C-alpha atoms as a PDB file:
ATOM      1  CA  MET A   1      24.322  10.577-132.207  1.00  0.00           C
ATOM      2  CA  GLN A   2      23.450   7.624-134.502  1.00  0.00           C
ATOM      3  CA  GLU A   3      22.710   8.102-138.064  1.00  0.00           C
ATOM      4  CA  LEU A   4      19.234   8.737-139.450  1.00  0.00           C
ATOM      5  CA  LYS A   5      18.143   5.879-141.249  1.00  0.00           C
ATOM      6  CA  ILE A   6      15.918   7.017-143.924  1.00  0.00           C
ATOM      7  CA  ALA A   7      15.887   7.378-147.775  1.00  0.00           C
ATOM      8  CA  PRO A   8      18.499   9.917-149.015  1.00  0.00           C
ATOM      9  CA  ARG A   9      15.727  11.761-150.887  1.00  0.00           C
ATOM     10  CA  MET A  10      13.724  12.147-147.769  1.00  0.00           C
ATOM     11  CA  LYS A  11      16.915  13.481-145.769  1.00  0.00           C
ATOM     12  CA  LYS A  12      17.148  16.010-148.789  1.00  0.00           C
ATOM     13  CA  LYS A  13      13.512  17.091-148.407  1.00  0.00           C
ATOM     14  CA  LEU A  14      14.118  17.352-144.450  1.00  0.00           C
ATOM     15  CA  GLY A  15      17.185  19.652-145.108  1.00  0.00           C
ATOM     16  CA  SER A  16      14.873  21.791-147.243  1.00  0.00           C
ATOM     17  CA  PHE A  17      12.167  21.991-144.913  1.00  0.00           C
ATOM     18  CA  ILE A  18      14.445  22.936-141.994  1.00  0.00           C
ATOM     19  CA  LYS A  19      16.246  25.711-143.943  1.00  0.00           C
ATOM     20  CA  SER A  20      12.742  27.213-144.871  1.00  0.00           C
ATOM     21  CA  LEU A  21      11.748  26.892-141.150  1.00  0.00           C
ATOM     22  CA  GLN A  22      14.917  28.794-140.273  1.00  0.00           C
ATOM     23  CA  GLY A  23      14.054  31.467-142.880  1.00  0.00           C
ATOM     24  CA  ILE A  24      10.554  32.106-141.702  1.00  0.00           C
ATOM     25  CA  PHE A  25      11.058  32.006-137.960  1.00  0.00           C
ATOM     26  CA  LEU A  26      14.676  33.232-137.756  1.00  0.00           C
ATOM     27  CA  ASP A  27      15.909  33.261-133.999  1.00  0.00           C
ATOM     28  CA  GLY A  28      12.404  32.268-133.083  1.00  0.00           C
ATOM     29  CA  LEU A  29      13.004  28.680-134.050  1.00  0.00           C
ATOM     30  CA  ILE A  30      14.220  26.699-131.186  1.00  0.00           C
ATOM     31  CA  SER A  31      14.331  23.080-132.255  1.00  0.00           C
ATOM     32  CA  VAL A  32      13.291  20.788-134.960  1.00  0.00           C
ATOM     33  CA  ILE A  33      12.934  17.048-133.736  1.00  0.00           C
ATOM     34  CA  LEU A  34      11.907  14.115-135.669  1.00  0.00           C
ATOM     35  CA  TYR A  35      10.273  11.535-133.593  1.00  0.00           C
ATOM     36  CA  GLY A  36       8.257   8.228-134.095  1.00  0.00           C
ATOM     37  CA  SER A  37       9.007   5.513-136.749  1.00  0.00           C
ATOM     38  CA  ALA A  38      11.391   7.712-138.729  1.00  0.00           C
ATOM     39  CA  ALA A  39      13.693   8.293-135.776  1.00  0.00           C
ATOM     40  CA  SER A  40      13.721   4.559-134.705  1.00  0.00           C
ATOM     41  CA  GLY A  41      14.589   3.459-138.180  1.00  0.00           C
ATOM     42  CA  GLU A  42      11.490   1.798-138.875  1.00  0.00           C
ATOM     43  CA  PHE A  43      10.145   4.275-141.271  1.00  0.00           C
ATOM     44  CA  VAL A  44       8.286   2.645-144.243  1.00  0.00           C
ATOM     45  CA  ASP A  45       8.966   4.814-147.259  1.00  0.00           C
ATOM     46  CA  ASN A  46       5.826   6.131-149.140  1.00  0.00           C
ATOM     47  CA  HIS A  47       3.681   4.521-146.165  1.00  0.00           C
ATOM     48  CA  SER A  48       4.620   6.509-143.233  1.00  0.00           C
ATOM     49  CA  ASN A  49       4.492   9.978-142.250  1.00  0.00           C
ATOM     50  CA  LEU A  50       7.207  11.982-140.648  1.00  0.00           C
ATOM     51  CA  ASN A  51       6.321  13.251-137.220  1.00  0.00           C
ATOM     52  CA  ILE A  52       8.317  16.531-136.645  1.00  0.00           C
ATOM     53  CA  LEU A  53       8.144  18.573-133.489  1.00  0.00           C
ATOM     54  CA  ILE A  54       8.803  22.260-134.306  1.00  0.00           C
ATOM     55  CA  VAL A  55       9.604  24.226-130.971  1.00  0.00           C
ATOM     56  CA  LEU A  56       9.102  28.068-131.308  1.00  0.00           C
ATOM     57  CA  LYS A  57       9.581  30.813-128.702  1.00  0.00           C
ATOM     58  CA  ASP A  58       6.085  31.882-129.726  1.00  0.00           C
ATOM     59  CA  THR A  59       3.276  29.913-131.270  1.00  0.00           C
ATOM     60  CA  ASP A  60       0.725  32.645-131.535  1.00  0.00           C
ATOM     61  CA  PRO A  61      -1.560  32.045-134.782  1.00  0.00           C
ATOM     62  CA  ASN A  62      -0.183  35.074-136.254  1.00  0.00           C
ATOM     63  CA  ILE A  63       3.100  33.657-136.240  1.00  0.00           C
ATOM     64  CA  LEU A  64       2.342  30.210-137.179  1.00  0.00           C
ATOM     65  CA  LYS A  65       0.329  31.280-140.399  1.00  0.00           C
ATOM     66  CA  LYS A  66       3.739  32.252-141.861  1.00  0.00           C
ATOM     67  CA  ALA A  67       4.417  28.493-142.217  1.00  0.00           C
ATOM     68  CA  SER A  68       1.210  27.547-143.842  1.00  0.00           C
ATOM     69  CA  LYS A  69       2.464  27.577-147.293  1.00  0.00           C
ATOM     70  CA  LEU A  70       5.523  25.389-146.247  1.00  0.00           C
ATOM     71  CA  ILE A  71       3.299  22.842-144.520  1.00  0.00           C
ATOM     72  CA  ARG A  72       1.187  22.348-147.674  1.00  0.00           C
ATOM     73  CA  LYS A  73       4.277  21.952-149.637  1.00  0.00           C
ATOM     74  CA  PHE A  74       5.400  19.027-147.546  1.00  0.00           C
ATOM     75  CA  PRO A  75       2.140  16.945-146.842  1.00  0.00           C
ATOM     76  CA  LEU A  76       4.036  13.823-145.646  1.00  0.00           C
ATOM     77  CA  PHE A  77       5.617  15.962-142.742  1.00  0.00           C
ATOM     78  CA  GLN A  78       3.099  15.912-139.816  1.00  0.00           C
ATOM     79  CA  ALA A  79       4.343  19.132-138.009  1.00  0.00           C
ATOM     80  CA  LEU A  80       3.525  19.659-134.459  1.00  0.00           C
ATOM     81  CA  PHE A  81       4.112  23.483-133.391  1.00  0.00           C
ATOM     82  CA  LEU A  82       4.851  23.887-129.538  1.00  0.00           C
ATOM     83  CA  ASN A  83       6.586  26.357-127.223  1.00  0.00           C
ATOM     84  CA  PRO A  84       8.690  25.397-124.132  1.00  0.00           C
ATOM     85  CA  GLY A  85       5.949  26.706-121.804  1.00  0.00           C
ATOM     86  CA  TYR A  86       3.222  24.565-123.422  1.00  0.00           C
ATOM     87  CA  ILE A  87       5.613  21.277-123.056  1.00  0.00           C
ATOM     88  CA  GLU A  88       6.482  21.882-119.508  1.00  0.00           C
ATOM     89  CA  ARG A  89       2.804  22.193-118.503  1.00  0.00           C
ATOM     90  CA  SER A  90       1.403  19.459-120.609  1.00  0.00           C
ATOM     91  CA  THR A  91       3.354  16.504-119.569  1.00  0.00           C
ATOM     92  CA  ASP A  92       0.839  15.673-116.845  1.00  0.00           C
ATOM     93  CA  VAL A  93      -2.078  15.779-119.528  1.00  0.00           C
ATOM     94  CA  PHE A  94      -0.264  14.011-122.285  1.00  0.00           C
ATOM     95  CA  PRO A  95       2.036  11.352-120.752  1.00  0.00           C
ATOM     96  CA  ILE A  96       1.774   8.812-123.396  1.00  0.00           C
ATOM     97  CA  GLU A  97       2.488  11.136-126.264  1.00  0.00           C
ATOM     98  CA  PHE A  98       5.622  12.582-124.548  1.00  0.00           C
ATOM     99  CA  LEU A  99       6.818   9.148-123.543  1.00  0.00           C
ATOM    100  CA  ASP A 100       6.461   8.212-127.214  1.00  0.00           C
ATOM    101  CA  MET A 101       8.591  11.230-128.212  1.00  0.00           C
ATOM    102  CA  LYS A 102      11.256  10.323-125.603  1.00  0.00           C
ATOM    103  CA  GLU A 103      11.489   6.640-126.788  1.00  0.00           C
ATOM    104  CA  ASN A 104      12.545   7.647-130.526  1.00  0.00           C
ATOM    105  CA  TYR A 105      13.687  11.157-131.450  1.00  0.00           C
ATOM    106  CA  TYR A 106      16.337  12.674-133.548  1.00  0.00           C
ATOM    107  CA  ILE A 107      17.241  16.299-133.261  1.00  0.00           C
ATOM    108  CA  LEU A 108      17.397  17.848-136.686  1.00  0.00           C
ATOM    109  CA  PHE A 109      17.996  21.514-135.591  1.00  0.00           C
ATOM    110  CA  GLY A 110      18.692  23.345-132.202  1.00  0.00           C
ATOM    111  CA  LEU A 111      18.397  22.194-128.834  1.00  0.00           C
ATOM    112  CA  ASP A 112      17.253  18.845-127.408  1.00  0.00           C
ATOM    113  CA  ILE A 113      14.335  19.851-125.059  1.00  0.00           C
ATOM    114  CA  ILE A 114      12.923  16.257-125.073  1.00  0.00           C
ATOM    115  CA  LYS A 115      15.870  14.603-122.960  1.00  0.00           C
ATOM    116  CA  ASP A 116      14.958  16.343-119.576  1.00  0.00           C
ATOM    117  CA  ILE A 117      11.177  15.735-119.903  1.00  0.00           C
ATOM    118  CA  LYS A 118       9.886  13.875-116.554  1.00  0.00           C
ATOM    119  CA  ILE A 119       6.567  11.964-116.543  1.00  0.00           C
ATOM    120  CA  ASP A 120       4.856  11.107-113.391  1.00  0.00           C
ATOM    121  CA  LEU A 121       3.520   7.622-113.666  1.00  0.00           C
ATOM    122  CA  LYS A 122       0.368   8.647-111.812  1.00  0.00           C
ATOM    123  CA  ASN A 123      -0.609  10.838-114.498  1.00  0.00           C
ATOM    124  CA  LEU A 124       0.132   8.234-116.949  1.00  0.00           C
ATOM    125  CA  ARG A 125      -2.045   5.719-115.161  1.00  0.00           C
ATOM    126  CA  PHE A 126      -4.918   8.162-115.388  1.00  0.00           C
ATOM    127  CA  GLN A 127      -4.596   8.804-119.004  1.00  0.00           C
ATOM    128  CA  CYS A 128      -4.427   5.063-119.883  1.00  0.00           C
ATOM    129  CA  GLU A 129      -7.576   4.367-117.590  1.00  0.00           C
ATOM    130  CA  GLN A 130      -9.444   7.441-118.984  1.00  0.00           C
ATOM    131  CA  GLU A 131      -8.780   6.475-122.824  1.00  0.00           C
ATOM    132  CA  LEU A 132      -9.437   2.769-122.184  1.00  0.00           C
ATOM    133  CA  LYS A 133     -12.920   3.416-120.586  1.00  0.00           C
ATOM    134  CA  ALA A 134     -13.696   6.022-123.402  1.00  0.00           C
ATOM    135  CA  LYS A 135     -12.818   3.780-126.151  1.00  0.00           C
ATOM    136  CA  MET A 136     -14.740   0.743-124.448  1.00  0.00           C
ATOM    137  CA  LEU A 137     -17.764   3.070-124.339  1.00  0.00           C
ATOM    138  CA  ASN A 138     -17.220   3.985-127.947  1.00  0.00           C
ATOM    139  CA  LEU A 139     -17.041   0.378-129.042  1.00  0.00           C
ATOM    140  CA  ARG A 140     -20.300  -0.495-127.210  1.00  0.00           C
ATOM    141  CA  GLN A 141     -22.054   2.449-129.018  1.00  0.00           C
ATOM    142  CA  LEU A 142     -20.851   1.496-132.459  1.00  0.00           C
ATOM    143  CA  TYR A 143     -21.820  -2.218-131.794  1.00  0.00           C
ATOM    144  CA  LEU A 144     -25.483  -1.159-130.981  1.00  0.00           C
ATOM    145  CA  LYS A 145     -25.318   1.150-134.012  1.00  0.00           C
ATOM    146  CA  LEU A 146     -23.712  -1.284-136.544  1.00  0.00           C
ATOM    147  CA  ASN A 147     -24.627  -4.527-135.116  1.00  0.00           C
ATOM    148  CA  GLY A 148     -26.399  -5.648-138.420  1.00  0.00           C
ATOM    149  CA  ASN A 149     -23.538  -4.498-140.592  1.00  0.00           C
ATOM    150  CA  LYS A 150     -20.806  -7.230-140.097  1.00  0.00           C
ATOM    151  CA  SER A 151     -18.546  -5.571-142.423  1.00  0.00           C
ATOM    152  CA  ALA A 152     -18.502  -2.132-140.617  1.00  0.00           C
ATOM    153  CA  LEU A 153     -18.135  -4.196-137.416  1.00  0.00           C
ATOM    154  CA  LYS A 154     -15.029  -5.712-138.522  1.00  0.00           C
ATOM    155  CA  THR A 155     -13.558  -2.413-139.937  1.00  0.00           C
ATOM    156  CA  ILE A 156     -14.041  -0.821-136.610  1.00  0.00           C
ATOM    157  CA  LEU A 157     -12.602  -3.699-134.744  1.00  0.00           C
ATOM    158  CA  LEU A 158      -9.280  -3.567-136.767  1.00  0.00           C
ATOM    159  CA  LYS A 159      -9.047   0.165-136.533  1.00  0.00           C
ATOM    160  CA  SER A 160      -9.786   0.265-132.859  1.00  0.00           C
ATOM    161  CA  PHE A 161      -7.353  -2.544-131.897  1.00  0.00           C
ATOM    162  CA  THR A 162      -4.230  -0.463-133.080  1.00  0.00           C
ATOM    163  CA  SER A 163      -4.989   2.445-130.769  1.00  0.00           C
ATOM    164  CA  ILE A 164      -6.109   0.321-127.908  1.00  0.00           C
ATOM    165  CA  LEU A 165      -3.003  -1.883-128.198  1.00  0.00           C
ATOM    166  CA  HIS A 166      -0.869   1.470-127.863  1.00  0.00           C
ATOM    167  CA  ILE A 167      -2.509   2.322-124.763  1.00  0.00           C
ATOM    168  CA  ALA A 168      -2.169  -1.394-123.444  1.00  0.00           C
ATOM    169  CA  ARG A 169       1.355  -0.982-124.410  1.00  0.00           C
ATOM    170  CA  ASN A 170       1.812   1.995-122.065  1.00  0.00           C
ATOM    171  CA  VAL A 171       0.050   0.173-119.211  1.00  0.00           C
ATOM    172  CA  LEU A 172       3.197  -2.175-119.262  1.00  0.00           C
ATOM    173  CA  ARG A 173       5.211   0.979-117.992  1.00  0.00           C
ATOM    174  CA  LEU A 174       2.864   0.938-115.017  1.00  0.00           C
ATOM    175  CA  LYS A 175       4.261  -2.570-114.007  1.00  0.00           C
ATOM    176  CA  GLY A 176       7.930  -1.220-114.578  1.00  0.00           C
ATOM    177  CA  LYS A 177       8.361  -2.853-117.815  1.00  0.00           C
ATOM    178  CA  THR A 178       9.983  -1.307-120.826  1.00  0.00           C
ATOM    179  CA  PRO A 179       7.585  -2.013-123.499  1.00  0.00           C
ATOM    180  CA  ALA A 180       8.563  -3.676-127.045  1.00  0.00           C
ATOM    181  CA  TYR A 181       7.548  -1.932-130.226  1.00  0.00           C
ATOM    182  CA  LYS A 182       6.658  -5.339-132.080  1.00  0.00           C
ATOM    183  CA  LYS A 183       2.780  -5.982-131.613  1.00  0.00           C
ATOM    184  CA  GLU A 184       3.401  -9.839-131.164  1.00  0.00           C
ATOM    185  CA  VAL A 185       5.742  -9.125-128.283  1.00  0.00           C
ATOM    186  CA  ILE A 186       3.682  -6.704-126.619  1.00  0.00           C
ATOM    187  CA  LEU A 187       0.702  -9.335-126.645  1.00  0.00           C
ATOM    188  CA  GLU A 188       3.094 -11.803-125.090  1.00  0.00           C
ATOM    189  CA  ASP A 189       4.063  -9.357-122.238  1.00  0.00           C
ATOM    190  CA  LEU A 190       0.431  -8.476-121.700  1.00  0.00           C
ATOM    191  CA  ALA A 191      -0.317 -12.279-121.240  1.00  0.00           C
ATOM    192  CA  LYS A 192       2.371 -12.502-118.585  1.00  0.00           C
ATOM    193  CA  GLU A 193       1.515  -9.484-116.582  1.00  0.00           C
ATOM    194  CA  PHE A 194      -2.482  -9.460-116.648  1.00  0.00           C
ATOM    195  CA  PRO A 195      -5.310 -12.023-116.794  1.00  0.00           C
ATOM    196  CA  LEU A 196      -6.480 -11.529-120.530  1.00  0.00           C
ATOM    197  CA  ASP A 197      -7.635 -13.644-122.865  1.00  0.00           C
ATOM    198  CA  ILE A 198      -4.881 -13.019-125.244  1.00  0.00           C
ATOM    199  CA  THR A 199      -6.052 -15.292-127.800  1.00  0.00           C
ATOM    200  CA  ILE A 200      -8.587 -12.758-128.706  1.00  0.00           C
ATOM    201  CA  TRP A 201      -5.944 -10.160-129.188  1.00  0.00           C
ATOM    202  CA  ARG A 202      -3.904 -12.297-131.271  1.00  0.00           C
ATOM    203  CA  ARG A 203      -6.731 -13.285-133.418  1.00  0.00           C
ATOM    204  CA  ILE A 204      -7.320  -9.481-134.145  1.00  0.00           C
ATOM    205  CA  LEU A 205      -3.949  -8.848-134.975  1.00  0.00           C
ATOM    206  CA  ALA A 206      -3.702 -11.844-137.271  1.00  0.00           C
ATOM    207  CA  LEU A 207      -6.817 -10.439-139.135  1.00  0.00           C
ATOM    208  CA  ARG A 208      -5.169  -7.068-139.072  1.00  0.00           C
ATOM    209  CA  ASN A 209      -2.056  -8.541-140.606  1.00  0.00           C
ATOM    210  CA  ARG A 210      -4.060 -10.435-143.175  1.00  0.00           C
ATOM    211  CA  GLU A 211      -2.613 -13.698-141.870  1.00  0.00           C
ATOM    212  CA  GLU A 212      -6.159 -14.931-141.242  1.00  0.00           C
ATOM    213  CA  LYS A 213      -9.842 -14.615-142.399  1.00  0.00           C
ATOM    214  CA  ILE A 214     -12.740 -14.409-140.542  1.00  0.00           C
ATOM    215  CA  ARG A 215     -16.614 -15.384-141.541  1.00  0.00           C
ATOM    216  CA  ASN A 216     -19.272 -12.712-141.158  1.00  0.00           C
ATOM    217  CA  LYS A 217     -20.955 -14.849-138.435  1.00  0.00           C
ATOM    218  CA  GLU A 218     -17.934 -14.865-136.199  1.00  0.00           C
ATOM    219  CA  VAL A 219     -17.414 -10.878-136.564  1.00  0.00           C
ATOM    220  CA  GLU A 220     -19.967 -10.119-134.018  1.00  0.00           C
ATOM    221  CA  LEU A 221     -18.691 -12.628-131.371  1.00  0.00           C
ATOM    222  CA  LEU A 222     -14.968 -11.360-131.683  1.00  0.00           C
ATOM    223  CA  PHE A 223     -16.190  -7.766-131.539  1.00  0.00           C
ATOM    224  CA  VAL A 224     -18.032  -8.470-128.120  1.00  0.00           C
ATOM    225  CA  SER A 225     -15.164 -10.408-127.026  1.00  0.00           C
ATOM    226  CA  PHE A 226     -12.900  -7.583-127.477  1.00  0.00           C
ATOM    227  CA  ILE A 227     -15.296  -5.222-125.688  1.00  0.00           C
ATOM    228  CA  ARG A 228     -14.990  -7.387-122.743  1.00  0.00           C
ATOM    229  CA  GLU A 229     -11.238  -7.560-122.951  1.00  0.00           C
ATOM    230  CA  VAL A 230     -10.928  -3.791-123.082  1.00  0.00           C
ATOM    231  CA  GLY A 231     -13.246  -3.560-119.916  1.00  0.00           C
ATOM    232  CA  LYS A 232     -11.156  -6.071-118.287  1.00  0.00           C
ATOM    233  CA  ILE A 233      -7.845  -4.173-119.047  1.00  0.00           C
ATOM    234  CA  SER A 234      -9.434  -0.753-117.869  1.00  0.00           C
ATOM    235  CA  ASP A 235     -10.333  -2.253-114.678  1.00  0.00           C
ATOM    236  CA  ILE A 236      -6.985  -3.538-114.079  1.00  0.00           C
ATOM    237  CA  VAL A 237      -5.435   0.060-114.488  1.00  0.00           C
ATOM    238  CA  ASP A 238      -8.355   1.312-112.251  1.00  0.00           C
ATOM    239  CA  ARG A 239      -6.615  -0.956-109.458  1.00  0.00           C
ATOM    240  CA  LEU A 240      -2.976  -0.130-110.165  1.00  0.00           C
END
């Protein structure tokens, strides 16, 4: 297994965290797995949370509460407590989330319960369509509510873009592609595969990265254009 590329002081905190988990749950602790940016080597110190999957034999609330003090002690650690049965029965409901885990993870303790997870692409297609359509409806509602407030529209646009691009990244899987991590490359791949106006997506990404500025009178047009783009890609997924 490749070396975990995070700061030594963070490794030390992880070691302390795992030791405490072992002391709390004893043989009820099955696995402690790091996933996401920290596992991929893209962790940004002081700016990223550490996503940690903690697999227990039993996740009854009365058992979980034993770790409440520990969780408060390490606020940077985003701990997700699951049991094997829940994982086995939930890959059909959360295919995007489990695919994200499978892409980048690192076993800190115990068994590798992620490697054998199987995802049905039919379930992935359904989740992509459902989430894209839900986000499109939400953008429409916010547009009607905030139309007079260009600053608020811009904030919503930039926040929504990240989550929508994450879903669009998974739509590429439905075309048999292994999606890239860099947002710019994801947009290039989307442009190759689907009839989208990718210039709109690139403009929003540039704004998000503070590479461009936008005048207030342009915000509404860009917001409306992006709603249409989300509608386009949700219709595309519907036909896949």
